[in-house]
Each structure stands twice: as structure tokens, then as C-alpha cells.
Amino acid sequence: MPENSCLKQPNVRNIMIISKKKKKQSNSSASEFRKLPPEGKLKGFGSLLKSYQEEIDRLTRRGAFAEKAFLSLYKSLSEIPDPVAGLNLALVRVHCNYCIHLIPLYLEGRHTASK
């Protein structure tokens, strides 16, 4: 992934704000269309249809952006090795170090059995 890729990506917050604003505009256009007399509806149908088609196009681009971002994140995470093996090894080493430090105490007789 290139270093400057985040600069080329649209800002998710801006996309959400614009989408919300455009949706309100589409709803407003639909409300105005419903109020038109029958002869006016025939005339205004083209602009309403265009408004809805633009909204569909925006939603399609937004969905594609979200899928691309998800797949990019998934790919990055899938390349990371599983941490369980490393954590288990660290736990064994900690336990071994603890046991090694107890050996002199056992030999001296100063250590009591743990609960």
C-alpha cells in the first residue's frame, strides 16, 4: 500500500455528510413532486428521476468505497501472523524463568509450597 494512499482516499466523514445532505434534497424533491398537479408531474418527472438516479449512483460509489476499504483492512490483518503461538511461547518462558529462580530457594529450603 503506498504511503500517500490515505491522502487520495475520500474522507469518510465528508462522504457521510454529503450523502445525508443529498438524501434530504432528494426527499425534498419528492415532496415537491407529490404536490404538483397532474400536468406538472409529467413535466417534473424527468428531474425527479434524475435526482433518484444520482442518489443511486452515490450509494453505489459509497458501497464500493466501503468494500474496498474493508478488503484492504482485511488483507492487512490477514497478513499478520497469529499471535497465539508467540503468546504461548512467552508464557512458557515466563513460567520457566519463575521456576529457575525458585530452584535456589528449594535447595536452601526457604521456599514453601504454593497454595
N, C-alpha and C. Protein backbone atom coordinates (compact mmCIF):
# COMPACT_ATOMS: atom_id res chain seq x y z
N MET A 1 0.85 -1.19 0.00
CA MET A 1 0.00 0.00 0.00
C MET A 1 0.89 1.25 0.00
N PRO A 2 0.70 2.15 -0.94
CA PRO A 2 1.54 3.35 -1.00
C PRO A 2 1.36 4.21 0.24
N GLU A 3 2.42 4.93 0.58
CA GLU A 3 2.40 5.76 1.79
C GLU A 3 1.36 6.86 1.72
N ASN A 4 1.15 7.45 0.57
CA ASN A 4 0.24 8.59 0.43
C ASN A 4 -1.18 8.16 0.06
N SER A 5 -1.51 6.86 0.20
CA SER A 5 -2.83 6.40 -0.23
C SER A 5 -3.95 7.03 0.59
N CYS A 6 -3.68 7.34 1.87
CA CYS A 6 -4.74 7.95 2.68
C CYS A 6 -5.06 9.36 2.21
N LEU A 7 -4.11 10.03 1.54
CA LEU A 7 -4.37 11.37 1.03
C LEU A 7 -5.27 11.33 -0.20
N LYS A 8 -5.23 10.23 -0.94
CA LYS A 8 -6.03 10.09 -2.14
C LYS A 8 -7.43 9.59 -1.83
N GLN A 9 -7.62 8.96 -0.69
CA GLN A 9 -8.92 8.42 -0.31
C GLN A 9 -9.84 9.55 0.14
N PRO A 10 -11.14 9.47 -0.24
CA PRO A 10 -12.07 10.48 0.25
C PRO A 10 -12.25 10.34 1.76
N ASN A 11 -12.51 11.45 2.39
CA ASN A 11 -12.73 11.46 3.83
C ASN A 11 -14.09 10.85 4.11
N VAL A 12 -14.13 9.81 4.94
CA VAL A 12 -15.38 9.09 5.22
C VAL A 12 -16.41 10.02 5.84
N ARG A 13 -15.98 10.88 6.73
CA ARG A 13 -16.92 11.81 7.37
C ARG A 13 -17.55 12.75 6.34
N ASN A 14 -16.73 13.26 5.41
CA ASN A 14 -17.26 14.14 4.37
C ASN A 14 -18.26 13.40 3.48
N ILE A 15 -17.95 12.16 3.15
CA ILE A 15 -18.86 11.36 2.33
C ILE A 15 -20.20 11.20 3.04
N MET A 16 -20.17 10.94 4.34
CA MET A 16 -21.40 10.76 5.09
C MET A 16 -22.21 12.06 5.15
N ILE A 17 -21.54 13.17 5.36
CA ILE A 17 -22.22 14.47 5.42
C ILE A 17 -22.87 14.80 4.08
N ILE A 18 -22.11 14.63 3.00
CA ILE A 18 -22.63 14.92 1.67
C ILE A 18 -23.81 14.00 1.35
N SER A 19 -23.67 12.73 1.68
CA SER A 19 -24.74 11.77 1.40
C SER A 19 -26.02 12.14 2.14
N LYS A 20 -25.89 12.54 3.39
CA LYS A 20 -27.06 12.93 4.18
C LYS A 20 -27.74 14.16 3.57
N LYS A 21 -26.91 15.13 3.16
CA LYS A 21 -27.44 16.36 2.56
C LYS A 21 -28.16 16.06 1.25
N LYS A 22 -27.56 15.22 0.41
CA LYS A 22 -28.17 14.88 -0.88
C LYS A 22 -29.45 14.08 -0.69
N LYS A 23 -29.50 13.24 0.32
CA LYS A 23 -30.71 12.46 0.60
C LYS A 23 -31.85 13.40 1.00
N LYS A 24 -31.53 14.40 1.81
CA LYS A 24 -32.56 15.38 2.19
C LYS A 24 -33.06 16.13 0.96
N GLN A 25 -32.14 16.46 0.04
CA GLN A 25 -32.54 17.15 -1.19
C GLN A 25 -33.46 16.26 -2.03
N SER A 26 -33.14 14.97 -2.11
CA SER A 26 -33.98 14.04 -2.88
C SER A 26 -35.36 13.93 -2.25
N ASN A 27 -35.40 13.83 -0.93
CA ASN A 27 -36.69 13.76 -0.24
C ASN A 27 -37.50 15.04 -0.46
N SER A 28 -36.83 16.17 -0.45
CA SER A 28 -37.50 17.45 -0.69
C SER A 28 -38.06 17.50 -2.11
N SER A 29 -37.26 17.02 -3.07
CA SER A 29 -37.73 16.99 -4.46
C SER A 29 -38.94 16.09 -4.61
N ALA A 30 -38.94 14.96 -3.92
CA ALA A 30 -40.07 14.03 -3.98
C ALA A 30 -41.31 14.66 -3.37
N SER A 31 -41.14 15.37 -2.27
CA SER A 31 -42.28 16.04 -1.64
C SER A 31 -42.87 17.10 -2.56
N GLU A 32 -41.99 17.87 -3.18
CA GLU A 32 -42.46 18.90 -4.12
C GLU A 32 -43.17 18.27 -5.31
N PHE A 33 -42.64 17.14 -5.78
CA PHE A 33 -43.24 16.46 -6.92
C PHE A 33 -44.66 15.99 -6.58
N ARG A 34 -44.85 15.46 -5.37
CA ARG A 34 -46.18 14.99 -4.96
C ARG A 34 -47.21 16.12 -4.92
N LYS A 35 -46.74 17.32 -4.65
CA LYS A 35 -47.65 18.48 -4.55
C LYS A 35 -48.04 19.04 -5.92
N LEU A 36 -47.33 18.65 -6.95
CA LEU A 36 -47.60 19.18 -8.29
C LEU A 36 -48.94 18.66 -8.82
N PRO A 37 -49.61 19.48 -9.64
CA PRO A 37 -50.83 18.99 -10.30
C PRO A 37 -50.44 17.94 -11.36
N PRO A 38 -51.38 17.12 -11.80
CA PRO A 38 -51.07 16.05 -12.75
C PRO A 38 -50.28 16.51 -13.98
N GLU A 39 -50.63 17.65 -14.56
CA GLU A 39 -49.91 18.12 -15.74
C GLU A 39 -48.47 18.54 -15.38
N GLY A 40 -48.26 19.00 -14.17
CA GLY A 40 -46.92 19.39 -13.72
C GLY A 40 -46.06 18.18 -13.39
N LYS A 41 -46.72 17.08 -12.97
CA LYS A 41 -45.97 15.87 -12.64
C LYS A 41 -45.29 15.29 -13.88
N LEU A 42 -45.97 15.35 -14.98
CA LEU A 42 -45.39 14.84 -16.22
C LEU A 42 -44.14 15.64 -16.58
N LYS A 43 -44.19 16.93 -16.36
CA LYS A 43 -43.06 17.81 -16.66
C LYS A 43 -41.90 17.61 -15.65
N GLY A 44 -42.25 17.42 -14.36
CA GLY A 44 -41.23 17.32 -13.32
C GLY A 44 -40.69 15.92 -13.10
N PHE A 45 -41.26 14.93 -13.80
CA PHE A 45 -40.83 13.55 -13.59
C PHE A 45 -39.37 13.32 -13.96
N GLY A 46 -38.94 13.95 -15.04
CA GLY A 46 -37.55 13.76 -15.51
C GLY A 46 -36.53 14.21 -14.48
N SER A 47 -36.75 15.38 -13.87
CA SER A 47 -35.79 15.88 -12.88
C SER A 47 -35.82 15.02 -11.61
N LEU A 48 -37.01 14.53 -11.23
CA LEU A 48 -37.10 13.66 -10.05
C LEU A 48 -36.38 12.34 -10.31
N LEU A 49 -36.58 11.77 -11.49
CA LEU A 49 -35.91 10.53 -11.86
C LEU A 49 -34.40 10.72 -11.86
N LYS A 50 -33.94 11.84 -12.40
CA LYS A 50 -32.51 12.13 -12.42
C LYS A 50 -31.96 12.26 -10.99
N SER A 51 -32.71 12.90 -10.11
CA SER A 51 -32.31 13.05 -8.72
C SER A 51 -32.14 11.69 -8.05
N TYR A 52 -33.11 10.80 -8.28
CA TYR A 52 -33.01 9.46 -7.69
C TYR A 52 -31.86 8.66 -8.30
N GLN A 53 -31.65 8.78 -9.60
CA GLN A 53 -30.55 8.07 -10.23
C GLN A 53 -29.21 8.56 -9.69
N GLU A 54 -29.07 9.85 -9.45
CA GLU A 54 -27.84 10.37 -8.85
C GLU A 54 -27.64 9.82 -7.44
N GLU A 55 -28.73 9.70 -6.69
CA GLU A 55 -28.64 9.13 -5.34
C GLU A 55 -28.20 7.67 -5.40
N ILE A 56 -28.75 6.92 -6.34
CA ILE A 56 -28.36 5.52 -6.52
C ILE A 56 -26.88 5.43 -6.89
N ASP A 57 -26.43 6.29 -7.77
CA ASP A 57 -25.02 6.31 -8.17
C ASP A 57 -24.11 6.63 -6.98
N ARG A 58 -24.52 7.60 -6.16
CA ARG A 58 -23.73 7.94 -4.97
C ARG A 58 -23.67 6.77 -4.01
N LEU A 59 -24.80 6.12 -3.79
CA LEU A 59 -24.82 4.96 -2.89
C LEU A 59 -23.97 3.81 -3.43
N THR A 60 -23.98 3.63 -4.74
CA THR A 60 -23.15 2.59 -5.36
C THR A 60 -21.67 2.90 -5.15
N ARG A 61 -21.28 4.16 -5.38
CA ARG A 61 -19.87 4.54 -5.16
C ARG A 61 -19.50 4.40 -3.69
N ARG A 62 -20.41 4.79 -2.81
CA ARG A 62 -20.14 4.69 -1.36
C ARG A 62 -19.98 3.23 -0.95
N GLY A 63 -20.83 2.36 -1.49
CA GLY A 63 -20.73 0.93 -1.19
C GLY A 63 -19.42 0.35 -1.71
N ALA A 64 -19.03 0.74 -2.91
CA ALA A 64 -17.77 0.26 -3.49
C ALA A 64 -16.59 0.74 -2.65
N PHE A 65 -16.64 1.99 -2.20
CA PHE A 65 -15.58 2.54 -1.35
C PHE A 65 -15.48 1.75 -0.05
N ALA A 66 -16.64 1.45 0.56
CA ALA A 66 -16.65 0.72 1.83
C ALA A 66 -16.11 -0.70 1.64
N GLU A 67 -16.50 -1.36 0.55
CA GLU A 67 -15.99 -2.70 0.28
C GLU A 67 -14.49 -2.69 0.06
N LYS A 68 -14.01 -1.71 -0.69
CA LYS A 68 -12.57 -1.62 -0.96
C LYS A 68 -11.80 -1.38 0.35
N ALA A 69 -12.33 -0.49 1.20
CA ALA A 69 -11.67 -0.21 2.48
C ALA A 69 -11.67 -1.45 3.36
N PHE A 70 -12.79 -2.16 3.40
CA PHE A 70 -12.88 -3.37 4.22
C PHE A 70 -11.89 -4.42 3.72
N LEU A 71 -11.86 -4.65 2.40
CA LEU A 71 -10.95 -5.66 1.86
C LEU A 71 -9.49 -5.28 2.09
N SER A 72 -9.18 -4.00 2.01
CA SER A 72 -7.82 -3.56 2.27
C SER A 72 -7.43 -3.83 3.73
N LEU A 73 -8.33 -3.51 4.64
CA LEU A 73 -8.09 -3.77 6.06
C LEU A 73 -7.99 -5.26 6.33
N TYR A 74 -8.89 -6.03 5.73
CA TYR A 74 -8.87 -7.48 5.92
C TYR A 74 -7.56 -8.07 5.41
N LYS A 75 -7.11 -7.62 4.25
CA LYS A 75 -5.85 -8.12 3.69
C LYS A 75 -4.69 -7.81 4.63
N SER A 76 -4.65 -6.59 5.14
CA SER A 76 -3.57 -6.20 6.06
C SER A 76 -3.59 -7.06 7.32
N LEU A 77 -4.79 -7.28 7.86
CA LEU A 77 -4.90 -8.08 9.08
C LEU A 77 -4.61 -9.56 8.83
N SER A 78 -4.96 -10.05 7.64
CA SER A 78 -4.74 -11.47 7.36
C SER A 78 -3.26 -11.79 7.18
N GLU A 79 -2.46 -10.79 6.88
CA GLU A 79 -1.02 -11.00 6.70
C GLU A 79 -0.26 -11.00 8.02
N ILE A 80 -0.90 -10.56 9.07
CA ILE A 80 -0.26 -10.55 10.39
C ILE A 80 -0.26 -11.97 10.94
N PRO A 81 0.87 -12.44 11.45
CA PRO A 81 0.88 -13.80 11.99
C PRO A 81 0.00 -13.92 13.23
N ASP A 82 -0.51 -15.13 13.44
CA ASP A 82 -1.36 -15.40 14.59
C ASP A 82 -0.55 -15.20 15.87
N PRO A 83 -1.01 -14.36 16.79
CA PRO A 83 -0.23 -14.06 18.00
C PRO A 83 -0.28 -15.18 19.04
N VAL A 84 -1.15 -16.16 18.89
CA VAL A 84 -1.32 -17.19 19.92
C VAL A 84 -0.02 -17.95 20.16
N ALA A 85 0.66 -18.35 19.08
CA ALA A 85 1.90 -19.12 19.24
C ALA A 85 2.95 -18.31 20.00
N GLY A 86 3.11 -17.05 19.64
CA GLY A 86 4.08 -16.19 20.33
C GLY A 86 3.71 -15.95 21.78
N LEU A 87 2.44 -15.77 22.05
CA LEU A 87 1.99 -15.56 23.43
C LEU A 87 2.20 -16.82 24.27
N ASN A 88 1.92 -17.98 23.69
CA ASN A 88 2.16 -19.23 24.42
C ASN A 88 3.64 -19.41 24.73
N LEU A 89 4.51 -19.10 23.77
CA LEU A 89 5.95 -19.20 23.99
C LEU A 89 6.39 -18.24 25.10
N ALA A 90 5.86 -17.02 25.08
CA ALA A 90 6.21 -16.05 26.12
C ALA A 90 5.74 -16.54 27.49
N LEU A 91 4.56 -17.13 27.54
CA LEU A 91 4.04 -17.66 28.81
C LEU A 91 4.93 -18.78 29.33
N VAL A 92 5.37 -19.67 28.45
CA VAL A 92 6.26 -20.77 28.86
C VAL A 92 7.58 -20.21 29.37
N ARG A 93 8.09 -19.21 28.67
CA ARG A 93 9.37 -18.62 29.11
C ARG A 93 9.24 -17.95 30.47
N VAL A 94 8.16 -17.24 30.68
CA VAL A 94 7.94 -16.60 31.98
C VAL A 94 7.84 -17.65 33.07
N HIS A 95 7.11 -18.70 32.79
CA HIS A 95 6.97 -19.78 33.77
C HIS A 95 8.31 -20.45 34.05
N CYS A 96 9.11 -20.68 32.99
CA CYS A 96 10.42 -21.30 33.16
C CYS A 96 11.35 -20.39 33.98
N ASN A 97 11.32 -19.10 33.69
CA ASN A 97 12.15 -18.16 34.46
C ASN A 97 11.74 -18.15 35.93
N TYR A 98 10.44 -18.21 36.17
CA TYR A 98 9.95 -18.25 37.55
C TYR A 98 10.45 -19.52 38.23
N CYS A 99 10.38 -20.65 37.53
CA CYS A 99 10.83 -21.92 38.12
C CYS A 99 12.33 -21.92 38.35
N ILE A 100 13.08 -21.35 37.41
CA ILE A 100 14.53 -21.31 37.56
C ILE A 100 14.93 -20.48 38.78
N HIS A 101 14.20 -19.40 39.05
CA HIS A 101 14.51 -18.57 40.21
C HIS A 101 14.11 -19.27 41.52
N LEU A 102 13.21 -20.22 41.45
CA LEU A 102 12.80 -20.95 42.66
C LEU A 102 13.77 -22.05 43.05
N ILE A 103 14.56 -22.54 42.11
CA ILE A 103 15.46 -23.68 42.38
C ILE A 103 16.40 -23.38 43.54
N PRO A 104 17.09 -22.23 43.56
CA PRO A 104 17.97 -21.98 44.72
C PRO A 104 17.20 -21.92 46.04
N LEU A 105 15.98 -21.42 46.00
CA LEU A 105 15.18 -21.36 47.22
C LEU A 105 14.81 -22.76 47.70
N TYR A 106 14.48 -23.63 46.78
CA TYR A 106 14.18 -25.01 47.15
C TYR A 106 15.42 -25.68 47.73
N LEU A 107 16.55 -25.42 47.10
CA LEU A 107 17.80 -26.05 47.58
C LEU A 107 18.16 -25.56 48.98
N GLU A 108 17.85 -24.33 49.26
CA GLU A 108 18.15 -23.78 50.59
C GLU A 108 17.05 -24.11 51.58
N GLY A 109 15.92 -24.60 51.08
CA GLY A 109 14.81 -24.95 51.96
C GLY A 109 14.00 -23.76 52.41
N ARG A 110 14.11 -22.62 51.74
CA ARG A 110 13.38 -21.40 52.17
C ARG A 110 12.04 -21.27 51.47
N HIS A 111 11.76 -22.06 50.46
CA HIS A 111 10.51 -21.90 49.72
C HIS A 111 9.47 -22.87 50.25
N THR A 112 8.26 -22.39 50.43
CA THR A 112 7.17 -23.26 50.87
C THR A 112 6.31 -23.55 49.65
N ALA A 113 5.59 -24.62 49.70
CA ALA A 113 4.72 -25.00 48.58
C ALA A 113 3.66 -23.91 48.36
N SER A 114 3.37 -23.64 47.10
CA SER A 114 2.35 -22.62 46.82
C SER A 114 0.97 -23.20 47.02
N LYS A 115 -0.02 -22.31 47.24
CA LYS A 115 -1.38 -22.70 47.56
C LYS A 115 -2.02 -23.44 46.45
